[in-house]
Each structure stands twice: as structure tokens, then as C-alpha cells.
């Protein structure tokens, strides 16, 4: 390791005394002191190119001057006065702006919360209230959050579920389409959407469609491995929902606000959801979530069915409004597509040289680089991913891995091409060092991940 970590280690030692282990999945010893754009700095002055964006929560980058100014201006007026009882102009202003960028040519309303987890809970409530049905369909490999409703929707980690049951009832999980590791052994030319067949069969055997309130789906399955479903799968699923009075809900917490090269991930599939669930980058780092849905759905519950003291607070709404304006003014949706295409091309070129790369997939600046033990069996190479990510950190690049070995490439949308090139160069150097056996096994004690 070529840099000093004295102050960082002191913070980590203090952290161990006061912060529980269940609240973090560690990758390497990084304690952030400051950031700007796509660059992070730790407490010892070491700088890193950020390819994680605080778990895709900082699409406008670190400490964007306009976000900082919006927060300061609002804080000098007032920080919050609960929307549970009173009215707020920043709340209204942002809701009007948010409705203007969401898909769907229908009347909409916006409900606020504090994080993507509670927005998922709210979507469950709304779906049940509006339809009068109880069952909610989610997907194997999905991650929706840690509140009880969001946790019940999730199906990605046994550790999320151990010791804390029972979870929310009437949640059914079906398989998410994974074309790289198709469990039916199909190729694109021979695919008959067999992965959707299990859902169809369920509706004719044990899950009556008239009992299903909603299907909640990530347009790209994020923490499940950045898996991109085929367009025709999404359209077929949508048609099943429409034919059976089932609400189609797009969970955009990770993929929203320009991340995929469109405002929202679902827009890649030419379907219009009944509701969208949002969080993470919505406020450029200020805690906020939102549900945007058809007016009739949003009017289906009575107060106080889903409200929070701090939801839609003035400070968060001011930051969120400025976030939308920055995305528009700096053309970050277009930039995400352009730089995403560029980064994918670089990773795909690396596939010719490194057999360890089994697949490169994604949309915009939401890219997964799937590392495998061999390309025939396609078994994920978690050890390689852990070691490569750790070595990248040692070389000044922040990237993590998901699942059995998928590198998660989700930098702030404000990143420059030069920074992308430098970061991918570091990833390639680290890959070479792994293949040469130059990264010690000891790092696996630290780089635990999901």
C-alpha cells in the first residue's frame, strides 16, 4: 500500500466501538473527509476516483456548488416544518417539477418519504388500497430496502431475513430474467420467455391474478448483479399486468435520475408504469424519497396511512429541485448515455484479453462487469472481484462488487472521460495483478461485501 491511513484507522477504531456490524458490508478501510465532483478524499489526504456514487445516490457528484448553495439558502429560511400538518412551498415546487420529468401522460401526484425503503413500503400500501387485492409480486435477487415492507419484497440475502420474522405476508417472488445465466439454456434466438412461464403457471395454479395487487420490478436489477432484462420480457410482463388489472410499478431507487441514460430506467422498455418508486439520487445526498403515481391511485388512501414528520421537508425538496435543474442544465442524462457507451466499449474490449470477464452489461453509467471462473460454466468469481476491488482502492479508485463477482460501475454522472479512462486503467492493472497472483488472500478478511 502506497499511502498513509493513520487518521482513517483511528476513525475506524472509534466506529467499531459505537456502530453495529449489521449496518455495514465492508469492502476496504475508507473514511470520507470530503469530495468534489467524482473525487473523494479520505482523512489522510488520499484522493480516489469514485465509481460508486455513494451507492448510486450522488448522480450530480460530490458537493455540487449549486446543491450546496440551494441547501444554504433554504437553511437560512427554515429547515423543516412538518408537511404532516402544514403546507410547504418547496414541497409543491418540487412535486410539480418531478411530475414534469416522469413518464406517463396521465394526472399524477407525489408522496414523499425519507428513503427508498419507505417508498417501497408506501407502494405496497397504495397498491393494496387501490386494488383491494393483497398479493404483491417481486423478484428473486431483488433488493428494495430494510424497512419491513421493503425487506419483505427483497430476496437477495439470507442475512436480511434471519432472526427477525415473520415478514410481511402475501409477497410472492418470481425469477428475474437473466440472459447471461439463463436457467433454461436458451440463447436470444431460441428464447421463448420461458422465465416468464413460471409466473403464468402460478396464475393458473396457486396465485389467482384477481388476488394480485401489483408487480414491483427494478428496470435493471441493481444489487442482484446489474442484470438487464430483455425488452420483450418487460413488455410481456406489462401486458400480463394490464390484462389482469395488476398495477405495474417501476422501482427506480438505484436506476433513476439519469443513471441509465434516460431520466428513468423503465423508459428504455416503452412501457408506462402506474407508479414509480424513487430515492437515492433524488436529493443529491439529502435524505428523501418519492412515489409518483396515477392520481386515482395516490388518492386511494386516507390520512395518516403514509406520512412522516420529516418527509418532503423544505431542505430536502430544495436540494431535490436543484438536482433536477442540474441534470437538465448539464445534460447529465445525455452524458450518462455517452460516457456509459464509452465505458462499456472499453470493458468489452478487455474481454478479448481477459477470460476472467464473462459479461459486460448495463445502460448508461449503470454497468456490471461480471467476473467468472471460466466462461463455459459462468460461475461467478467472487474472490477475484474482492481482490480486484481492494487493489483498485489501494491505487486510488473506489469500486465494489455485487453477488458472486460483478464489479459495480456507477460513477457520478458528472465524471469526465479522462477520469473514466484513468479509473478503467486502474481496474485493468488490478486485474492483471490478480491474474499474476500478486494480491494476497489476507484482504479477503476485510473485503466482505454482500
Foldseek 3Di string as FASTA:
>chain_A
DPADCVVLVVVVVVCVVPPDPVVDQFQDRFAFDFWDFQWTAGPRGFIFREQCLVVLQFQVTTPDVLLVVLLVVLVVVPFFFFPLPDDDPLLVVLQVVVVVQADDPADKGKDKDFFQQLLQVVVQVLLCLLLVAHAEEAEALAQRDQDQNRLVRYHNDVVSPPPDDDGDPRYHYAYDDAQLPGPVPDHPVRDPPVSCVVVVVCCVPPNPLSRARAYEYECARALSFRGHHDLVNVVVVLVVCVVSVHFYEYEFANPACLQQLGRGSCVVNPDHGQKYKYFRNLQSPGGMIMIMGHPSSVPSDDPPPRGDRCISTNSSSSSNSVSNVCCVVVVLSNLQQVLVVVLLVVLVVCVVVDQQFQDWDGGRQWIKGFGAPGNVVSQGQQQLQSQLQVQLVVVRYHWHAHDRHIITRRTRSSDDSVSSVVSVVSSVVSSVCVVVVNGDPVSCVRRRGD
